[in-house]
Amino acid sequence: MAQDRLIIGLTGGIGSGKSTIAALFVEHGAGIVDTDAIAHRLTQTGGEAIEAIRAAFGNDYVTDNGALNRTKMRGLIFSDDAARQRLERILHPMIRERAKAQLRQLQDKPYILIVVPLLPESAAFRQLVQRVLVVDCDENTQVARVIERSRMTEAEVRAIIARQTPRAERLQLADDIICNDAGLDSLTKQVSILHERYSNVQSSY
């Protein structure tokens, strides 16, 4: 898949700063595929996954305006592994196909980052990438960031973190690491260094 372009899998836990870092790479001209954004489009009003979700979970999990009831679904999948797997079987194949389509559209970019929060758990997505870039930060920092941007409680955020790939395991998968504990200036410098590295790798393709 798109082997004439270097494709980097960008991953990290919730609240680690993946979107901020992706935006910094865009400033350097990188192509970005954001699987969270794809998932959101699939489950918004009129999204292609809505009828399959309605059939699998019932009308209670779809809002009156035809979007996924995210709050209700989040409560279900964090208490019921079978329900989480059922949702993943609906969404993940759709997300992968749309991600592949976007990768094909980005062949003019110097290199491409595909943002996949569940990259450590997804062999199918790991097969699409040549390198893995992990965004890392302290767990308390993750919690504070998510609470600031959402209506979740600390307990809810920590429950999500507990269900994600452990930090140590994620770091073991990394070819490259960005530490996001020290502010935007530090991030900008780290991204600039990696941009040069990725550009040099791409030039060898």
N, C-alpha and C. Protein backbone atom coordinates (compact mmCIF):
# COMPACT_ATOMS: atom_id res chain seq x y z
N MET A 1 0.84 -1.20 0.00
CA MET A 1 0.00 0.00 0.00
C MET A 1 0.87 1.24 0.00
N ALA A 2 0.81 2.01 -1.11
CA ALA A 2 1.48 3.31 -1.19
C ALA A 2 2.96 3.22 -0.80
N GLN A 3 3.66 2.20 -1.34
CA GLN A 3 5.02 1.97 -0.92
C GLN A 3 6.01 3.00 -1.45
N ASP A 4 5.59 3.85 -2.39
CA ASP A 4 6.49 4.90 -2.85
C ASP A 4 6.48 6.10 -1.91
N ARG A 5 5.63 6.08 -0.90
CA ARG A 5 5.62 7.10 0.15
C ARG A 5 5.97 6.45 1.48
N LEU A 6 6.77 7.13 2.26
CA LEU A 6 7.01 6.70 3.64
C LEU A 6 5.75 6.96 4.45
N ILE A 7 5.24 5.94 5.12
CA ILE A 7 4.04 6.07 5.94
C ILE A 7 4.42 5.77 7.38
N ILE A 8 4.14 6.74 8.26
CA ILE A 8 4.47 6.62 9.69
C ILE A 8 3.18 6.49 10.47
N GLY A 9 3.10 5.52 11.34
CA GLY A 9 1.95 5.38 12.23
C GLY A 9 2.16 6.21 13.48
N LEU A 10 1.33 7.22 13.69
CA LEU A 10 1.41 8.09 14.87
C LEU A 10 0.40 7.60 15.90
N THR A 11 0.87 7.26 17.08
CA THR A 11 -0.02 6.73 18.10
C THR A 11 0.38 7.26 19.48
N GLY A 12 -0.49 7.04 20.44
CA GLY A 12 -0.27 7.49 21.81
C GLY A 12 -1.56 7.36 22.58
N GLY A 13 -1.48 7.40 23.88
CA GLY A 13 -2.68 7.30 24.70
C GLY A 13 -3.57 8.52 24.59
N ILE A 14 -4.77 8.39 25.12
CA ILE A 14 -5.71 9.51 25.13
C ILE A 14 -5.07 10.70 25.86
N GLY A 15 -5.21 11.89 25.27
CA GLY A 15 -4.67 13.09 25.89
C GLY A 15 -3.17 13.27 25.75
N SER A 16 -2.53 12.45 24.92
CA SER A 16 -1.08 12.56 24.79
C SER A 16 -0.65 13.70 23.86
N GLY A 17 -1.57 14.16 23.01
CA GLY A 17 -1.23 15.28 22.13
C GLY A 17 -1.07 14.91 20.68
N LYS A 18 -1.69 13.82 20.25
CA LYS A 18 -1.53 13.35 18.86
C LYS A 18 -1.99 14.39 17.85
N SER A 19 -3.12 15.02 18.10
CA SER A 19 -3.65 16.00 17.14
C SER A 19 -2.76 17.22 17.02
N THR A 20 -2.24 17.69 18.15
CA THR A 20 -1.32 18.84 18.13
C THR A 20 -0.09 18.52 17.33
N ILE A 21 0.46 17.34 17.53
CA ILE A 21 1.68 16.95 16.82
C ILE A 21 1.41 16.74 15.34
N ALA A 22 0.27 16.14 15.01
CA ALA A 22 -0.08 15.99 13.60
C ALA A 22 -0.15 17.35 12.91
N ALA A 23 -0.73 18.34 13.60
CA ALA A 23 -0.84 19.69 13.02
C ALA A 23 0.54 20.30 12.79
N LEU A 24 1.49 20.03 13.68
CA LEU A 24 2.85 20.55 13.49
C LEU A 24 3.51 19.89 12.28
N PHE A 25 3.26 18.61 12.07
CA PHE A 25 3.81 17.96 10.87
C PHE A 25 3.18 18.51 9.59
N VAL A 26 1.91 18.87 9.65
CA VAL A 26 1.25 19.47 8.49
C VAL A 26 1.97 20.76 8.09
N GLU A 27 2.43 21.53 9.07
CA GLU A 27 3.15 22.78 8.78
C GLU A 27 4.43 22.51 8.00
N HIS A 28 4.98 21.29 8.13
CA HIS A 28 6.17 20.90 7.37
C HIS A 28 5.81 20.27 6.03
N GLY A 29 4.53 20.18 5.72
CA GLY A 29 4.11 19.65 4.44
C GLY A 29 3.71 18.19 4.43
N ALA A 30 3.68 17.56 5.60
CA ALA A 30 3.33 16.13 5.67
C ALA A 30 1.86 15.91 5.34
N GLY A 31 1.56 14.75 4.81
CA GLY A 31 0.18 14.32 4.66
C GLY A 31 -0.29 13.67 5.94
N ILE A 32 -1.56 13.88 6.29
CA ILE A 32 -2.12 13.32 7.52
C ILE A 32 -3.40 12.56 7.21
N VAL A 33 -3.50 11.35 7.75
CA VAL A 33 -4.74 10.59 7.76
C VAL A 33 -5.10 10.38 9.23
N ASP A 34 -6.25 10.88 9.65
CA ASP A 34 -6.67 10.82 11.05
C ASP A 34 -7.82 9.84 11.20
N THR A 35 -7.55 8.68 11.79
CA THR A 35 -8.60 7.66 11.88
C THR A 35 -9.70 8.06 12.85
N ASP A 36 -9.40 8.87 13.86
CA ASP A 36 -10.46 9.37 14.74
C ASP A 36 -11.44 10.25 13.97
N ALA A 37 -10.90 11.09 13.09
CA ALA A 37 -11.76 11.95 12.28
C ALA A 37 -12.62 11.11 11.34
N ILE A 38 -12.03 10.06 10.78
CA ILE A 38 -12.80 9.16 9.91
C ILE A 38 -13.93 8.51 10.71
N ALA A 39 -13.62 8.02 11.90
CA ALA A 39 -14.63 7.38 12.75
C ALA A 39 -15.75 8.35 13.09
N HIS A 40 -15.39 9.61 13.34
CA HIS A 40 -16.41 10.61 13.68
C HIS A 40 -17.34 10.84 12.50
N ARG A 41 -16.78 10.91 11.29
CA ARG A 41 -17.63 11.11 10.12
C ARG A 41 -18.56 9.91 9.89
N LEU A 42 -18.06 8.72 10.14
CA LEU A 42 -18.87 7.52 9.94
C LEU A 42 -20.05 7.46 10.90
N THR A 43 -19.92 8.12 12.06
CA THR A 43 -20.94 8.01 13.11
C THR A 43 -21.69 9.31 13.36
N GLN A 44 -21.47 10.32 12.52
CA GLN A 44 -22.22 11.56 12.65
C GLN A 44 -23.59 11.40 11.96
N THR A 45 -24.40 12.42 12.01
CA THR A 45 -25.71 12.36 11.37
C THR A 45 -25.57 11.99 9.90
N GLY A 46 -26.24 10.91 9.50
CA GLY A 46 -26.14 10.45 8.12
C GLY A 46 -24.90 9.66 7.80
N GLY A 47 -24.07 9.38 8.80
CA GLY A 47 -22.83 8.63 8.58
C GLY A 47 -23.10 7.21 8.12
N GLU A 48 -22.14 6.66 7.40
CA GLU A 48 -22.35 5.35 6.76
C GLU A 48 -22.44 4.20 7.76
N ALA A 49 -21.98 4.40 8.99
CA ALA A 49 -22.04 3.33 9.97
C ALA A 49 -23.32 3.32 10.80
N ILE A 50 -24.12 4.35 10.67
CA ILE A 50 -25.25 4.53 11.60
C ILE A 50 -26.26 3.39 11.52
N GLU A 51 -26.64 2.98 10.33
CA GLU A 51 -27.67 1.95 10.23
C GLU A 51 -27.17 0.61 10.74
N ALA A 52 -25.89 0.31 10.53
CA ALA A 52 -25.32 -0.93 11.07
C ALA A 52 -25.29 -0.87 12.60
N ILE A 53 -24.99 0.29 13.15
CA ILE A 53 -24.99 0.46 14.60
C ILE A 53 -26.41 0.33 15.14
N ARG A 54 -27.37 0.92 14.46
CA ARG A 54 -28.76 0.81 14.90
C ARG A 54 -29.21 -0.66 14.90
N ALA A 55 -28.84 -1.38 13.85
CA ALA A 55 -29.22 -2.79 13.76
C ALA A 55 -28.57 -3.63 14.85
N ALA A 56 -27.34 -3.30 15.20
CA ALA A 56 -26.61 -4.11 16.18
C ALA A 56 -26.94 -3.75 17.62
N PHE A 57 -27.28 -2.48 17.88
CA PHE A 57 -27.43 -2.03 19.26
C PHE A 57 -28.82 -1.50 19.60
N GLY A 58 -29.62 -1.17 18.58
CA GLY A 58 -30.96 -0.64 18.83
C GLY A 58 -31.02 0.87 18.72
N ASN A 59 -32.25 1.38 18.67
CA ASN A 59 -32.47 2.81 18.48
C ASN A 59 -31.94 3.66 19.62
N ASP A 60 -31.81 3.09 20.82
CA ASP A 60 -31.35 3.87 21.97
C ASP A 60 -29.94 4.40 21.77
N TYR A 61 -29.18 3.78 20.88
CA TYR A 61 -27.78 4.17 20.70
C TYR A 61 -27.59 5.11 19.51
N VAL A 62 -28.72 5.56 18.95
CA VAL A 62 -28.70 6.55 17.88
C VAL A 62 -29.56 7.73 18.33
N THR A 63 -29.06 8.94 18.20
CA THR A 63 -29.79 10.12 18.64
C THR A 63 -30.96 10.42 17.70
N ASP A 64 -31.82 11.33 18.13
CA ASP A 64 -32.98 11.70 17.32
C ASP A 64 -32.58 12.29 15.97
N ASN A 65 -31.39 12.90 15.90
CA ASN A 65 -30.96 13.48 14.61
C ASN A 65 -30.11 12.51 13.79
N GLY A 66 -30.07 11.23 14.22
CA GLY A 66 -29.44 10.21 13.39
C GLY A 66 -27.94 10.08 13.53
N ALA A 67 -27.39 10.48 14.66
CA ALA A 67 -25.96 10.31 14.93
C ALA A 67 -25.77 9.28 16.05
N LEU A 68 -24.57 8.78 16.18
CA LEU A 68 -24.27 7.89 17.30
C LEU A 68 -24.45 8.63 18.61
N ASN A 69 -25.13 8.00 19.57
CA ASN A 69 -25.22 8.54 20.93
C ASN A 69 -23.91 8.18 21.64
N ARG A 70 -22.95 9.08 21.57
CA ARG A 70 -21.59 8.77 22.01
C ARG A 70 -21.52 8.51 23.52
N THR A 71 -22.25 9.29 24.28
CA THR A 71 -22.21 9.12 25.73
C THR A 71 -22.76 7.76 26.13
N LYS A 72 -23.89 7.39 25.56
CA LYS A 72 -24.51 6.11 25.89
C LYS A 72 -23.64 4.94 25.41
N MET A 73 -23.08 5.06 24.20
CA MET A 73 -22.24 3.99 23.68
C MET A 73 -20.96 3.86 24.50
N ARG A 74 -20.38 4.99 24.91
CA ARG A 74 -19.17 4.92 25.71
C ARG A 74 -19.43 4.18 27.02
N GLY A 75 -20.58 4.47 27.64
CA GLY A 75 -20.92 3.77 28.87
C GLY A 75 -21.06 2.28 28.67
N LEU A 76 -21.63 1.88 27.52
CA LEU A 76 -21.81 0.46 27.24
C LEU A 76 -20.50 -0.26 27.00
N ILE A 77 -19.67 0.28 26.13
CA ILE A 77 -18.48 -0.47 25.72
C ILE A 77 -17.42 -0.53 26.82
N PHE A 78 -17.51 0.38 27.79
CA PHE A 78 -16.56 0.29 28.89
C PHE A 78 -17.03 -0.66 29.98
N SER A 79 -18.24 -1.16 29.86
CA SER A 79 -18.73 -2.14 30.83
C SER A 79 -18.99 -3.50 30.19
N ASP A 80 -18.84 -3.59 28.86
CA ASP A 80 -19.22 -4.81 28.15
C ASP A 80 -18.24 -5.04 27.00
N ASP A 81 -17.29 -5.95 27.19
CA ASP A 81 -16.27 -6.21 26.16
C ASP A 81 -16.89 -6.75 24.87
N ALA A 82 -17.94 -7.56 25.00
CA ALA A 82 -18.58 -8.11 23.80
C ALA A 82 -19.19 -7.00 22.96
N ALA A 83 -19.79 -6.01 23.64
CA ALA A 83 -20.36 -4.87 22.92
C ALA A 83 -19.27 -4.05 22.25
N ARG A 84 -18.15 -3.85 22.93
CA ARG A 84 -17.03 -3.11 22.33
C ARG A 84 -16.54 -3.82 21.07
N GLN A 85 -16.40 -5.15 21.15
CA GLN A 85 -15.93 -5.90 19.99
C GLN A 85 -16.95 -5.84 18.85
N ARG A 86 -18.24 -5.83 19.18
CA ARG A 86 -19.27 -5.74 18.17
C ARG A 86 -19.19 -4.40 17.43
N LEU A 87 -18.98 -3.32 18.20
CA LEU A 87 -18.82 -2.00 17.59
C LEU A 87 -17.57 -1.95 16.72
N GLU A 88 -16.48 -2.53 17.21
CA GLU A 88 -15.23 -2.53 16.44
C GLU A 88 -15.39 -3.29 15.13
N ARG A 89 -16.15 -4.38 15.15
CA ARG A 89 -16.34 -5.15 13.91
C ARG A 89 -17.12 -4.34 12.87
N ILE A 90 -17.94 -3.42 13.33
CA ILE A 90 -18.65 -2.54 12.41
C ILE A 90 -17.73 -1.45 11.89
N LEU A 91 -17.03 -0.78 12.80
CA LEU A 91 -16.30 0.44 12.45
C LEU A 91 -14.93 0.18 11.84
N HIS A 92 -14.18 -0.75 12.38
CA HIS A 92 -12.78 -0.87 11.98
C HIS A 92 -12.58 -1.17 10.49
N PRO A 93 -13.35 -2.10 9.88
CA PRO A 93 -13.16 -2.29 8.43
C PRO A 93 -13.48 -1.04 7.62
N MET A 94 -14.52 -0.30 8.02
CA MET A 94 -14.87 0.94 7.32
C MET A 94 -13.74 1.97 7.46
N ILE A 95 -13.20 2.09 8.67
CA ILE A 95 -12.13 3.06 8.91
C ILE A 95 -10.91 2.71 8.06
N ARG A 96 -10.54 1.43 8.03
CA ARG A 96 -9.36 1.02 7.26
C ARG A 96 -9.53 1.34 5.78
N GLU A 97 -10.70 1.06 5.21
CA GLU A 97 -10.90 1.30 3.79
C GLU A 97 -10.82 2.78 3.46
N ARG A 98 -11.38 3.60 4.31
CA ARG A 98 -11.33 5.04 4.07
C ARG A 98 -9.92 5.59 4.30
N ALA A 99 -9.21 5.03 5.25
CA ALA A 99 -7.82 5.43 5.46
C ALA A 99 -6.97 5.09 4.24
N LYS A 100 -7.17 3.91 3.68
CA LYS A 100 -6.41 3.52 2.49
C LYS A 100 -6.72 4.46 1.32
N ALA A 101 -7.99 4.83 1.19
CA ALA A 101 -8.36 5.75 0.12
C ALA A 101 -7.67 7.10 0.30
N GLN A 102 -7.61 7.59 1.53
CA GLN A 102 -6.93 8.86 1.79
C GLN A 102 -5.43 8.76 1.53
N LEU A 103 -4.84 7.62 1.89
CA LEU A 103 -3.41 7.43 1.62
C LEU A 103 -3.12 7.55 0.12
N ARG A 104 -4.01 6.98 -0.69
CA ARG A 104 -3.81 7.05 -2.15
C ARG A 104 -3.90 8.48 -2.66
N GLN A 105 -4.67 9.32 -1.96
CA GLN A 105 -4.85 10.70 -2.39
C GLN A 105 -3.71 11.62 -1.95
N LEU A 106 -2.80 11.10 -1.13
CA LEU A 106 -1.73 11.93 -0.56
C LEU A 106 -0.35 11.60 -1.13
N GLN A 107 -0.34 11.02 -2.31
CA GLN A 107 0.93 10.59 -2.89
C GLN A 107 1.86 11.74 -3.29
N ASP A 108 1.32 12.97 -3.31
CA ASP A 108 2.17 14.11 -3.64
C ASP A 108 2.87 14.68 -2.41
N LYS A 109 2.57 14.16 -1.22
CA LYS A 109 3.17 14.67 0.01
C LYS A 109 4.56 14.06 0.21
N PRO A 110 5.45 14.75 0.93
CA PRO A 110 6.80 14.22 1.13
C PRO A 110 6.81 12.91 1.93
N TYR A 111 5.89 12.79 2.86
CA TYR A 111 5.67 11.55 3.62
C TYR A 111 4.31 11.69 4.28
N ILE A 112 3.79 10.60 4.83
CA ILE A 112 2.43 10.60 5.36
C ILE A 112 2.42 10.04 6.77
N LEU A 113 1.68 10.71 7.66
CA LEU A 113 1.43 10.17 8.99
C LEU A 113 -0.02 9.72 9.07
N ILE A 114 -0.22 8.52 9.57
CA ILE A 114 -1.57 8.03 9.80
C ILE A 114 -1.76 7.93 11.32
N VAL A 115 -2.71 8.69 11.83
CA VAL A 115 -2.93 8.79 13.27
C VAL A 115 -3.88 7.67 13.69
N VAL A 116 -3.36 6.73 14.48
CA VAL A 116 -4.15 5.55 14.87
C VAL A 116 -3.98 5.33 16.38
N PRO A 117 -4.92 5.77 17.20
CA PRO A 117 -4.79 5.55 18.64
C PRO A 117 -4.62 4.08 19.01
N LEU A 118 -5.28 3.18 18.28
CA LEU A 118 -5.24 1.75 18.59
C LEU A 118 -4.19 1.01 17.78
N LEU A 119 -3.19 1.71 17.28
CA LEU A 119 -2.17 1.06 16.45
C LEU A 119 -1.52 -0.15 17.12
N PRO A 120 -1.17 -0.10 18.42
CA PRO A 120 -0.54 -1.28 19.02
C PRO A 120 -1.42 -2.52 18.97
N GLU A 121 -2.75 -2.33 18.99
CA GLU A 121 -3.67 -3.47 18.99
C GLU A 121 -4.09 -3.89 17.59
N SER A 122 -3.69 -3.15 16.57
CA SER A 122 -4.21 -3.38 15.22
C SER A 122 -3.11 -3.84 14.27
N ALA A 123 -3.05 -5.15 14.04
CA ALA A 123 -2.08 -5.69 13.10
C ALA A 123 -2.35 -5.17 11.69
N ALA A 124 -3.63 -4.99 11.35
CA ALA A 124 -3.97 -4.53 10.00
C ALA A 124 -3.41 -3.14 9.73
N PHE A 125 -3.49 -2.24 10.71
CA PHE A 125 -2.94 -0.91 10.51
C PHE A 125 -1.42 -0.92 10.56
N ARG A 126 -0.84 -1.77 11.41
CA ARG A 126 0.63 -1.82 11.47
C ARG A 126 1.22 -2.28 10.14
N GLN A 127 0.47 -3.07 9.37
CA GLN A 127 0.95 -3.52 8.07
C GLN A 127 1.00 -2.37 7.06
N LEU A 128 0.29 -1.29 7.34
CA LEU A 128 0.26 -0.15 6.42
C LEU A 128 1.44 0.79 6.61
N VAL A 129 2.14 0.69 7.74
CA VAL A 129 3.15 1.69 8.07
C VAL A 129 4.55 1.09 8.05
N GLN A 130 5.53 1.97 7.78
CA GLN A 130 6.93 1.55 7.80
C GLN A 130 7.63 1.93 9.11
N ARG A 131 7.09 2.92 9.81
CA ARG A 131 7.65 3.34 11.09
C ARG A 131 6.51 3.63 12.06
N VAL A 132 6.82 3.53 13.36
CA VAL A 132 5.84 3.86 14.40
C VAL A 132 6.40 5.01 15.23
N LEU A 133 5.62 6.09 15.32
CA LEU A 133 5.96 7.25 16.14
C LEU A 133 5.01 7.30 17.33
N VAL A 134 5.55 7.19 18.52
CA VAL A 134 4.74 7.20 19.74
C VAL A 134 4.87 8.55 20.42
N VAL A 135 3.73 9.15 20.74
CA VAL A 135 3.69 10.36 21.55
C VAL A 135 3.53 9.91 23.01
N ASP A 136 4.45 10.35 23.85
CA ASP A 136 4.47 9.86 25.23
C ASP A 136 4.38 11.03 26.21
N CYS A 137 3.64 10.81 27.30
CA CYS A 137 3.62 11.79 28.38
C CYS A 137 3.17 11.10 29.66
N ASP A 138 3.32 11.79 30.77
CA ASP A 138 2.93 11.27 32.07
C ASP A 138 1.41 11.07 32.13
N GLU A 139 0.97 10.03 32.83
CA GLU A 139 -0.47 9.72 32.90
C GLU A 139 -1.26 10.86 33.52
N ASN A 140 -0.73 11.50 34.55
CA ASN A 140 -1.46 12.61 35.17
C ASN A 140 -1.66 13.77 34.19
N THR A 141 -0.69 13.94 33.30
CA THR A 141 -0.81 14.97 32.27
C THR A 141 -1.93 14.60 31.30
N GLN A 142 -1.98 13.33 30.91
CA GLN A 142 -3.06 12.86 30.05
C GLN A 142 -4.42 13.17 30.67
N VAL A 143 -4.57 12.81 31.93
CA VAL A 143 -5.85 12.98 32.62
C VAL A 143 -6.25 14.46 32.64
N ALA A 144 -5.31 15.32 32.99
CA ALA A 144 -5.61 16.75 33.08
C ALA A 144 -6.04 17.31 31.73
N ARG A 145 -5.36 16.89 30.66
CA ARG A 145 -5.70 17.41 29.32
C ARG A 145 -7.10 16.97 28.89
N VAL A 146 -7.43 15.71 29.14
CA VAL A 146 -8.73 15.22 28.69
C VAL A 146 -9.86 15.87 29.49
N ILE A 147 -9.67 16.03 30.79
CA ILE A 147 -10.69 16.70 31.61
C ILE A 147 -10.90 18.13 31.13
N GLU A 148 -9.81 18.79 30.77
CA GLU A 148 -9.90 20.20 30.34
C GLU A 148 -10.70 20.34 29.05
N ARG A 149 -10.59 19.35 28.14
CA ARG A 149 -11.21 19.49 26.82
C ARG A 149 -12.56 18.79 26.72
N SER A 150 -12.95 18.02 27.73
CA SER A 150 -14.18 17.23 27.64
C SER A 150 -14.96 17.33 28.95
N ARG A 151 -16.07 16.63 28.98
CA ARG A 151 -16.90 16.61 30.18
C ARG A 151 -16.66 15.34 31.01
N MET A 152 -15.62 14.63 30.70
CA MET A 152 -15.36 13.39 31.43
C MET A 152 -14.81 13.67 32.82
N THR A 153 -15.09 12.74 33.73
CA THR A 153 -14.52 12.82 35.07
C THR A 153 -13.14 12.18 35.07
N GLU A 154 -12.39 12.42 36.15
CA GLU A 154 -11.08 11.79 36.27
C GLU A 154 -11.21 10.27 36.25
N ALA A 155 -12.22 9.74 36.92
CA ALA A 155 -12.40 8.28 36.95
C ALA A 155 -12.66 7.73 35.55
N GLU A 156 -13.45 8.45 34.75
CA GLU A 156 -13.73 7.99 33.39
C GLU A 156 -12.48 8.01 32.53
N VAL A 157 -11.67 9.05 32.66
CA VAL A 157 -10.44 9.13 31.87
C VAL A 157 -9.48 8.02 32.27
N ARG A 158 -9.33 7.82 33.56
CA ARG A 158 -8.40 6.76 34.01
C ARG A 158 -8.89 5.38 33.58
N ALA A 159 -10.20 5.19 33.49
CA ALA A 159 -10.74 3.92 33.01
C ALA A 159 -10.37 3.70 31.54
N ILE A 160 -10.42 4.77 30.75
CA ILE A 160 -10.02 4.66 29.35
C ILE A 160 -8.53 4.32 29.26
N ILE A 161 -7.71 5.01 30.01
CA ILE A 161 -6.26 4.75 29.99
C ILE A 161 -5.97 3.31 30.38
N ALA A 162 -6.69 2.81 31.36
CA ALA A 162 -6.47 1.44 31.83
C ALA A 162 -6.78 0.41 30.75
N ARG A 163 -7.69 0.76 29.83
CA ARG A 163 -8.08 -0.17 28.77
C ARG A 163 -7.19 -0.03 27.53
N GLN A 164 -6.40 1.01 27.47
CA GLN A 164 -5.50 1.18 26.33
C GLN A 164 -4.22 0.38 26.56
N THR A 165 -3.46 0.21 25.49
CA THR A 165 -2.18 -0.49 25.60
C THR A 165 -1.32 0.18 26.66
N PRO A 166 -0.74 -0.58 27.59
CA PRO A 166 0.11 0.03 28.62
C PRO A 166 1.24 0.87 28.01
N ARG A 167 1.57 1.93 28.71
CA ARG A 167 2.58 2.88 28.22
C ARG A 167 3.88 2.18 27.85
N ALA A 168 4.36 1.26 28.70
CA ALA A 168 5.64 0.58 28.43
C ALA A 168 5.57 -0.25 27.15
N GLU A 169 4.44 -0.92 26.93
CA GLU A 169 4.30 -1.73 25.72
C GLU A 169 4.25 -0.85 24.48
N ARG A 170 3.58 0.27 24.59
CA ARG A 170 3.50 1.19 23.45
C ARG A 170 4.90 1.69 23.09
N LEU A 171 5.68 2.04 24.09
CA LEU A 171 7.03 2.54 23.84
C LEU A 171 7.93 1.48 23.21
N GLN A 172 7.69 0.22 23.54
CA GLN A 172 8.49 -0.86 22.95
C GLN A 172 8.27 -0.98 21.44
N LEU A 173 7.10 -0.56 20.98
CA LEU A 173 6.80 -0.62 19.54
C LEU A 173 7.41 0.53 18.76
N ALA A 174 7.88 1.56 19.47
CA ALA A 174 8.25 2.82 18.82
C ALA A 174 9.56 2.72 18.05
N ASP A 175 9.54 3.25 16.84
CA ASP A 175 10.78 3.56 16.13
C ASP A 175 11.25 4.96 16.50
N ASP A 176 10.29 5.84 16.79
CA ASP A 176 10.57 7.21 17.18
C ASP A 176 9.63 7.59 18.31
N ILE A 177 10.08 8.50 19.18
CA ILE A 177 9.28 8.93 20.34
C ILE A 177 9.31 10.45 20.42
N ILE A 178 8.13 11.03 20.64
CA ILE A 178 8.04 12.45 20.99
C ILE A 178 7.57 12.53 22.43
N CYS A 179 8.32 13.24 23.25
CA CYS A 179 7.94 13.45 24.65
C CYS A 179 7.13 14.74 24.75
N ASN A 180 5.90 14.62 25.21
CA ASN A 180 5.01 15.79 25.26
C ASN A 180 4.70 16.17 26.70
N ASP A 181 5.74 16.49 27.45
CA ASP A 181 5.58 16.94 28.83
C ASP A 181 6.08 18.36 29.04
N ALA A 182 6.62 19.00 27.99
CA ALA A 182 7.36 20.24 28.22
C ALA A 182 6.90 21.43 27.39
N GLY A 183 5.71 21.38 26.82
CA GLY A 183 5.19 22.55 26.13
C GLY A 183 5.42 22.56 24.63
N LEU A 184 4.84 23.58 23.98
CA LEU A 184 4.80 23.63 22.52
C LEU A 184 6.18 23.85 21.90
N ASP A 185 7.03 24.65 22.53
CA ASP A 185 8.36 24.89 21.96
C ASP A 185 9.14 23.58 21.85
N SER A 186 9.05 22.76 22.88
CA SER A 186 9.73 21.46 22.84
C SER A 186 9.16 20.58 21.75
N LEU A 187 7.84 20.57 21.62
CA LEU A 187 7.21 19.77 20.56
C LEU A 187 7.67 20.22 19.18
N THR A 188 7.70 21.54 18.99
CA THR A 188 8.09 22.08 17.69
C THR A 188 9.49 21.63 17.31
N LYS A 189 10.41 21.64 18.26
CA LYS A 189 11.79 21.22 17.99
C LYS A 189 11.85 19.73 17.66
N GLN A 190 11.12 18.93 18.43
CA GLN A 190 11.14 17.48 18.19
C GLN A 190 10.54 17.13 16.83
N VAL A 191 9.46 17.82 16.47
CA VAL A 191 8.84 17.57 15.17
C VAL A 191 9.78 17.98 14.04
N SER A 192 10.48 19.09 14.19
CA SER A 192 11.42 19.54 13.16
C SER A 192 12.52 18.52 12.92
N ILE A 193 13.04 17.96 14.00
CA ILE A 193 14.08 16.94 13.88
C ILE A 193 13.55 15.71 13.14
N LEU A 194 12.34 15.28 13.52
CA LEU A 194 11.77 14.10 12.86
C LEU A 194 11.41 14.38 11.41
N HIS A 195 10.98 15.60 11.13
CA HIS A 195 10.69 15.97 9.74
C HIS A 195 11.93 15.77 8.88
N GLU A 196 13.08 16.22 9.36
CA GLU A 196 14.32 16.04 8.60
C GLU A 196 14.63 14.55 8.42
N ARG A 197 14.42 13.78 9.47
CA ARG A 197 14.70 12.34 9.41
C ARG A 197 13.79 11.66 8.40
N TYR A 198 12.49 11.99 8.46
CA TYR A 198 11.54 11.35 7.55
C TYR A 198 11.77 11.78 6.11
N SER A 199 12.13 13.03 5.93
CA SER A 199 12.41 13.52 4.57
C SER A 199 13.61 12.79 3.97
N ASN A 200 14.62 12.54 4.81
CA ASN A 200 15.80 11.81 4.33
C ASN A 200 15.48 10.36 4.01
N VAL A 201 14.64 9.76 4.84
CA VAL A 201 14.23 8.38 4.57
C VAL A 201 13.43 8.32 3.28
N GLN A 202 12.49 9.27 3.13
CA GLN A 202 11.66 9.28 1.91
C GLN A 202 12.51 9.43 0.66
N SER A 203 13.57 10.21 0.74
CA SER A 203 14.38 10.45 -0.45
C SER A 203 15.09 9.18 -0.91
N SER A 204 15.17 8.17 -0.04
CA SER A 204 15.81 6.91 -0.41
C SER A 204 14.83 5.93 -1.06
N TYR A 205 13.54 6.29 -1.11
CA TYR A 205 12.53 5.40 -1.70
C TYR A 205 12.61 5.41 -3.22
